[in-house]
Amino acid sequence: QMYLVESGGGLVQAGEPLTLSCVASGLAIKPYQMRWYRQCPGKERELVAWNYASGESNYADSVGGRFTIARDNAQNTVYLLISALKADDTGLYFCNAAWDREYWGRGTQVTVSS
């Protein structure tokens, strides 16, 4: 069983950067594909960034090159760096691990003020 806990959200000004963290416990993240999802108000949950066990990363077109996903296998932690927040980035951000099973965190709220 893997437990994922996200942190780093809060009320942030538009244009500012933000780093979200996802700490895993119970199992090592090394073989897992690690993903960040978000659910914006009135919208369905959206996959925004994912990082393969090989280290390769991919991003949704909607985030426009502003997001960077990074993992630290030694710290069992995954990060999401957002370089310049927009009001549309407001939402609940979830960490997800997928391999033999899929695990979810409970999310961290990001609210962007303009």
N, C-alpha and C. Protein backbone atom coordinates (compact mmCIF):
# COMPACT_ATOMS: atom_id res chain seq x y z
N GLN A 1 0.84 -1.18 0.00
CA GLN A 1 0.00 0.00 0.00
C GLN A 1 0.89 1.25 0.00
N MET A 2 0.57 2.17 -0.86
CA MET A 2 1.30 3.43 -0.92
C MET A 2 0.39 4.55 -0.44
N TYR A 3 0.96 5.44 0.33
CA TYR A 3 0.24 6.61 0.80
C TYR A 3 0.91 7.84 0.22
N LEU A 4 0.09 8.72 -0.34
CA LEU A 4 0.59 9.94 -0.98
C LEU A 4 0.00 11.15 -0.28
N VAL A 5 0.87 12.09 0.08
CA VAL A 5 0.42 13.30 0.74
C VAL A 5 0.97 14.51 -0.01
N GLU A 6 0.05 15.30 -0.54
CA GLU A 6 0.43 16.52 -1.25
C GLU A 6 0.51 17.71 -0.30
N SER A 7 1.35 18.66 -0.66
CA SER A 7 1.45 19.90 0.11
C SER A 7 1.97 21.01 -0.80
N GLY A 8 1.91 22.22 -0.30
CA GLY A 8 2.46 23.35 -1.04
C GLY A 8 1.43 24.27 -1.64
N GLY A 9 0.17 23.87 -1.59
CA GLY A 9 -0.87 24.73 -2.13
C GLY A 9 -1.15 25.91 -1.22
N GLY A 10 -2.04 26.77 -1.68
CA GLY A 10 -2.42 27.94 -0.89
C GLY A 10 -2.94 29.03 -1.79
N LEU A 11 -3.03 30.24 -1.24
CA LEU A 11 -3.48 31.41 -1.99
C LEU A 11 -2.25 32.11 -2.54
N VAL A 12 -2.18 32.24 -3.86
CA VAL A 12 -0.99 32.77 -4.51
C VAL A 12 -1.41 33.82 -5.54
N GLN A 13 -0.56 34.81 -5.72
CA GLN A 13 -0.83 35.85 -6.72
C GLN A 13 -0.54 35.34 -8.12
N ALA A 14 -1.34 35.77 -9.07
CA ALA A 14 -1.08 35.44 -10.47
C ALA A 14 0.31 35.92 -10.86
N GLY A 15 0.98 35.11 -11.65
CA GLY A 15 2.32 35.44 -12.10
C GLY A 15 3.42 34.91 -11.21
N GLU A 16 3.08 34.53 -9.99
CA GLU A 16 4.06 34.00 -9.06
C GLU A 16 4.32 32.53 -9.33
N PRO A 17 5.48 32.01 -8.94
CA PRO A 17 5.75 30.58 -9.07
C PRO A 17 5.24 29.82 -7.85
N LEU A 18 5.10 28.52 -8.01
CA LEU A 18 4.65 27.69 -6.91
C LEU A 18 5.21 26.28 -7.10
N THR A 19 5.60 25.67 -6.01
CA THR A 19 6.05 24.29 -6.05
C THR A 19 5.18 23.43 -5.16
N LEU A 20 4.60 22.41 -5.73
CA LEU A 20 3.82 21.43 -4.97
C LEU A 20 4.68 20.20 -4.74
N SER A 21 4.49 19.58 -3.59
CA SER A 21 5.22 18.37 -3.25
C SER A 21 4.26 17.23 -3.00
N CYS A 22 4.72 16.04 -3.27
CA CYS A 22 3.94 14.83 -3.00
C CYS A 22 4.90 13.82 -2.38
N VAL A 23 4.71 13.55 -1.10
CA VAL A 23 5.56 12.61 -0.39
C VAL A 23 4.87 11.26 -0.32
N ALA A 24 5.57 10.23 -0.73
CA ALA A 24 5.03 8.87 -0.70
C ALA A 24 5.59 8.10 0.48
N SER A 25 4.78 7.23 1.03
CA SER A 25 5.23 6.33 2.08
C SER A 25 4.60 4.97 1.86
N GLY A 26 5.19 3.96 2.45
CA GLY A 26 4.67 2.61 2.33
C GLY A 26 5.34 1.80 1.24
N LEU A 27 5.57 2.42 0.09
CA LEU A 27 6.23 1.78 -1.05
C LEU A 27 7.14 2.79 -1.72
N ALA A 28 8.16 2.30 -2.40
CA ALA A 28 9.07 3.18 -3.13
C ALA A 28 8.44 3.59 -4.45
N ILE A 29 8.62 4.85 -4.83
CA ILE A 29 8.02 5.35 -6.07
C ILE A 29 8.82 4.96 -7.31
N LYS A 30 10.02 4.44 -7.11
CA LYS A 30 10.94 4.25 -8.23
C LYS A 30 10.33 3.55 -9.43
N PRO A 31 9.58 2.46 -9.29
CA PRO A 31 9.04 1.79 -10.48
C PRO A 31 7.73 2.38 -10.99
N TYR A 32 7.23 3.37 -10.31
CA TYR A 32 5.91 3.90 -10.64
C TYR A 32 5.99 5.07 -11.61
N GLN A 33 4.99 5.16 -12.47
CA GLN A 33 4.76 6.39 -13.20
C GLN A 33 4.06 7.33 -12.22
N MET A 34 4.61 8.51 -12.08
CA MET A 34 4.06 9.49 -11.15
C MET A 34 3.38 10.59 -11.94
N ARG A 35 2.21 10.98 -11.48
CA ARG A 35 1.38 11.93 -12.22
C ARG A 35 0.83 13.01 -11.30
N TRP A 36 0.62 14.15 -11.87
CA TRP A 36 -0.14 15.21 -11.22
C TRP A 36 -1.41 15.47 -12.03
N TYR A 37 -2.52 15.48 -11.31
CA TYR A 37 -3.81 15.84 -11.87
C TYR A 37 -4.28 17.12 -11.19
N ARG A 38 -5.23 17.77 -11.82
CA ARG A 38 -5.91 18.87 -11.15
C ARG A 38 -7.39 18.83 -11.50
N GLN A 39 -8.18 19.36 -10.58
CA GLN A 39 -9.60 19.52 -10.83
C GLN A 39 -9.95 20.97 -10.57
N CYS A 40 -10.23 21.68 -11.64
CA CYS A 40 -10.58 23.09 -11.55
C CYS A 40 -12.08 23.21 -11.33
N PRO A 41 -12.52 24.30 -10.74
CA PRO A 41 -13.95 24.46 -10.44
C PRO A 41 -14.82 24.27 -11.67
N GLY A 42 -15.81 23.39 -11.56
CA GLY A 42 -16.74 23.16 -12.64
C GLY A 42 -16.22 22.28 -13.77
N LYS A 43 -15.02 21.74 -13.60
CA LYS A 43 -14.42 20.92 -14.66
C LYS A 43 -14.08 19.54 -14.14
N GLU A 44 -13.85 18.62 -15.06
CA GLU A 44 -13.45 17.27 -14.70
C GLU A 44 -11.96 17.24 -14.33
N ARG A 45 -11.58 16.20 -13.60
CA ARG A 45 -10.18 16.03 -13.24
C ARG A 45 -9.35 15.89 -14.52
N GLU A 46 -8.22 16.58 -14.54
CA GLU A 46 -7.39 16.67 -15.73
C GLU A 46 -5.96 16.24 -15.40
N LEU A 47 -5.39 15.39 -16.24
CA LEU A 47 -3.98 15.02 -16.10
C LEU A 47 -3.12 16.15 -16.66
N VAL A 48 -2.21 16.71 -15.85
CA VAL A 48 -1.43 17.84 -16.31
C VAL A 48 0.05 17.51 -16.51
N ALA A 49 0.58 16.56 -15.76
CA ALA A 49 2.01 16.24 -15.91
C ALA A 49 2.24 14.81 -15.45
N TRP A 50 3.14 14.12 -16.13
CA TRP A 50 3.45 12.75 -15.74
C TRP A 50 4.92 12.45 -15.99
N ASN A 51 5.46 11.62 -15.15
CA ASN A 51 6.88 11.28 -15.17
C ASN A 51 7.02 9.78 -15.12
N TYR A 52 7.65 9.22 -16.15
CA TYR A 52 7.83 7.79 -16.23
C TYR A 52 8.96 7.34 -15.29
N ALA A 53 8.98 6.08 -14.99
CA ALA A 53 10.05 5.54 -14.15
C ALA A 53 11.42 5.76 -14.79
N SER A 54 11.45 5.86 -16.12
CA SER A 54 12.70 6.10 -16.84
C SER A 54 13.22 7.52 -16.63
N GLY A 55 12.32 8.40 -16.17
CA GLY A 55 12.70 9.79 -15.98
C GLY A 55 12.10 10.74 -17.00
N GLU A 56 11.60 10.19 -18.10
CA GLU A 56 10.97 11.02 -19.13
C GLU A 56 9.70 11.64 -18.60
N SER A 57 9.46 12.87 -19.00
CA SER A 57 8.26 13.58 -18.55
C SER A 57 7.43 14.06 -19.73
N ASN A 58 6.13 14.20 -19.49
CA ASN A 58 5.23 14.74 -20.49
C ASN A 58 4.23 15.65 -19.80
N TYR A 59 3.61 16.52 -20.60
CA TYR A 59 2.70 17.52 -20.06
C TYR A 59 1.49 17.69 -20.95
N ALA A 60 0.39 18.10 -20.31
CA ALA A 60 -0.80 18.43 -21.07
C ALA A 60 -0.57 19.72 -21.85
N ASP A 61 -1.18 19.80 -23.02
CA ASP A 61 -1.05 21.01 -23.82
C ASP A 61 -1.59 22.23 -23.06
N SER A 62 -2.57 21.99 -22.20
CA SER A 62 -3.24 23.10 -21.52
C SER A 62 -2.34 23.87 -20.56
N VAL A 63 -1.23 23.29 -20.14
CA VAL A 63 -0.39 23.98 -19.16
C VAL A 63 0.70 24.80 -19.82
N GLY A 64 0.79 24.71 -21.14
CA GLY A 64 1.57 25.65 -21.93
C GLY A 64 3.03 25.81 -21.56
N GLY A 65 3.69 24.75 -21.14
CA GLY A 65 5.11 24.83 -20.87
C GLY A 65 5.45 25.48 -19.54
N ARG A 66 4.45 25.78 -18.73
CA ARG A 66 4.71 26.44 -17.44
C ARG A 66 4.94 25.46 -16.30
N PHE A 67 4.62 24.18 -16.52
CA PHE A 67 4.71 23.17 -15.47
C PHE A 67 5.94 22.29 -15.68
N THR A 68 6.57 21.91 -14.58
CA THR A 68 7.66 20.96 -14.60
C THR A 68 7.44 19.93 -13.51
N ILE A 69 7.46 18.66 -13.90
CA ILE A 69 7.35 17.58 -12.91
C ILE A 69 8.75 17.02 -12.68
N ALA A 70 9.05 16.75 -11.43
CA ALA A 70 10.36 16.20 -11.09
C ALA A 70 10.19 15.19 -9.97
N ARG A 71 11.01 14.18 -9.96
CA ARG A 71 10.94 13.19 -8.90
C ARG A 71 12.30 13.05 -8.23
N ASP A 72 12.26 12.72 -6.96
CA ASP A 72 13.45 12.40 -6.18
C ASP A 72 13.20 11.03 -5.57
N ASN A 73 13.71 10.01 -6.21
CA ASN A 73 13.44 8.65 -5.73
C ASN A 73 14.05 8.42 -4.34
N ALA A 74 15.16 9.05 -4.06
CA ALA A 74 15.80 8.87 -2.75
C ALA A 74 14.93 9.43 -1.63
N GLN A 75 14.22 10.51 -1.93
CA GLN A 75 13.33 11.13 -0.95
C GLN A 75 11.90 10.65 -1.09
N ASN A 76 11.66 9.78 -2.08
CA ASN A 76 10.30 9.26 -2.33
C ASN A 76 9.30 10.39 -2.51
N THR A 77 9.72 11.38 -3.27
CA THR A 77 8.93 12.60 -3.41
C THR A 77 8.86 13.01 -4.87
N VAL A 78 7.71 13.54 -5.24
CA VAL A 78 7.49 14.09 -6.57
C VAL A 78 7.08 15.54 -6.42
N TYR A 79 7.54 16.37 -7.33
CA TYR A 79 7.27 17.80 -7.28
C TYR A 79 6.56 18.25 -8.55
N LEU A 80 5.80 19.32 -8.40
CA LEU A 80 5.24 20.00 -9.57
C LEU A 80 5.60 21.48 -9.42
N LEU A 81 6.42 21.97 -10.33
CA LEU A 81 6.81 23.37 -10.33
C LEU A 81 5.98 24.11 -11.36
N ILE A 82 5.35 25.19 -10.92
CA ILE A 82 4.56 26.02 -11.82
C ILE A 82 5.26 27.36 -11.89
N SER A 83 5.66 27.74 -13.08
CA SER A 83 6.53 28.91 -13.19
C SER A 83 5.79 30.22 -13.06
N ALA A 84 4.60 30.31 -13.55
CA ALA A 84 3.86 31.58 -13.51
C ALA A 84 2.38 31.25 -13.46
N LEU A 85 1.81 31.39 -12.28
CA LEU A 85 0.42 30.98 -12.09
C LEU A 85 -0.55 31.90 -12.82
N LYS A 86 -1.61 31.29 -13.30
CA LYS A 86 -2.73 32.01 -13.89
C LYS A 86 -3.99 31.73 -13.08
N ALA A 87 -4.97 32.59 -13.23
CA ALA A 87 -6.23 32.39 -12.51
C ALA A 87 -6.84 31.04 -12.84
N ASP A 88 -6.67 30.59 -14.09
CA ASP A 88 -7.23 29.32 -14.53
C ASP A 88 -6.56 28.11 -13.88
N ASP A 89 -5.44 28.34 -13.20
CA ASP A 89 -4.76 27.24 -12.50
C ASP A 89 -5.40 26.93 -11.15
N THR A 90 -6.35 27.74 -10.74
CA THR A 90 -7.04 27.49 -9.48
C THR A 90 -7.71 26.13 -9.51
N GLY A 91 -7.46 25.34 -8.48
CA GLY A 91 -8.06 24.01 -8.42
C GLY A 91 -7.41 23.15 -7.37
N LEU A 92 -7.88 21.93 -7.29
CA LEU A 92 -7.35 20.94 -6.36
C LEU A 92 -6.37 20.05 -7.12
N TYR A 93 -5.14 19.99 -6.64
CA TYR A 93 -4.07 19.27 -7.33
C TYR A 93 -3.80 17.95 -6.62
N PHE A 94 -3.83 16.88 -7.39
CA PHE A 94 -3.68 15.53 -6.86
C PHE A 94 -2.42 14.86 -7.39
N CYS A 95 -1.81 14.08 -6.54
CA CYS A 95 -0.69 13.23 -6.91
C CYS A 95 -1.22 11.81 -7.14
N ASN A 96 -0.65 11.13 -8.12
CA ASN A 96 -1.09 9.78 -8.47
C ASN A 96 0.13 8.93 -8.81
N ALA A 97 0.11 7.68 -8.36
CA ALA A 97 1.17 6.73 -8.68
C ALA A 97 0.55 5.54 -9.37
N ALA A 98 1.13 5.12 -10.50
CA ALA A 98 0.55 4.03 -11.27
C ALA A 98 1.63 3.05 -11.69
N TRP A 99 1.38 1.78 -11.40
CA TRP A 99 2.26 0.69 -11.87
C TRP A 99 1.47 -0.59 -11.78
N ASP A 100 1.71 -1.38 -10.75
CA ASP A 100 0.91 -2.59 -10.58
C ASP A 100 -0.47 -2.25 -10.03
N ARG A 101 -0.50 -1.17 -9.27
CA ARG A 101 -1.75 -0.61 -8.76
C ARG A 101 -1.69 0.89 -8.90
N GLU A 102 -2.80 1.49 -8.63
CA GLU A 102 -2.86 2.95 -8.73
C GLU A 102 -3.22 3.52 -7.36
N TYR A 103 -2.49 4.60 -7.01
CA TYR A 103 -2.71 5.23 -5.71
C TYR A 103 -2.94 6.72 -5.91
N TRP A 104 -3.75 7.29 -5.00
CA TRP A 104 -4.07 8.71 -5.07
C TRP A 104 -3.82 9.38 -3.73
N GLY A 105 -3.40 10.62 -3.79
CA GLY A 105 -3.40 11.46 -2.61
C GLY A 105 -4.74 12.17 -2.51
N ARG A 106 -4.90 12.95 -1.44
CA ARG A 106 -6.16 13.65 -1.22
C ARG A 106 -6.18 15.05 -1.84
N GLY A 107 -5.03 15.52 -2.28
CA GLY A 107 -4.99 16.78 -2.98
C GLY A 107 -4.56 17.95 -2.12
N THR A 108 -4.09 18.98 -2.81
CA THR A 108 -3.76 20.25 -2.17
C THR A 108 -4.38 21.36 -3.00
N GLN A 109 -5.02 22.30 -2.32
CA GLN A 109 -5.78 23.36 -3.01
C GLN A 109 -4.85 24.50 -3.41
N VAL A 110 -4.96 24.90 -4.66
CA VAL A 110 -4.25 26.07 -5.17
C VAL A 110 -5.29 27.10 -5.59
N THR A 111 -5.19 28.28 -5.03
CA THR A 111 -6.10 29.37 -5.39
C THR A 111 -5.26 30.54 -5.87
N VAL A 112 -5.51 30.96 -7.10
CA VAL A 112 -4.72 32.03 -7.70
C VAL A 112 -5.56 33.31 -7.74
N SER A 113 -5.04 34.35 -7.15
CA SER A 113 -5.73 35.64 -7.16
C SER A 113 -5.11 36.54 -8.23
N SER A 114 -5.97 37.25 -8.92
CA SER A 114 -5.49 38.11 -10.01
C SER A 114 -5.51 39.57 -9.62
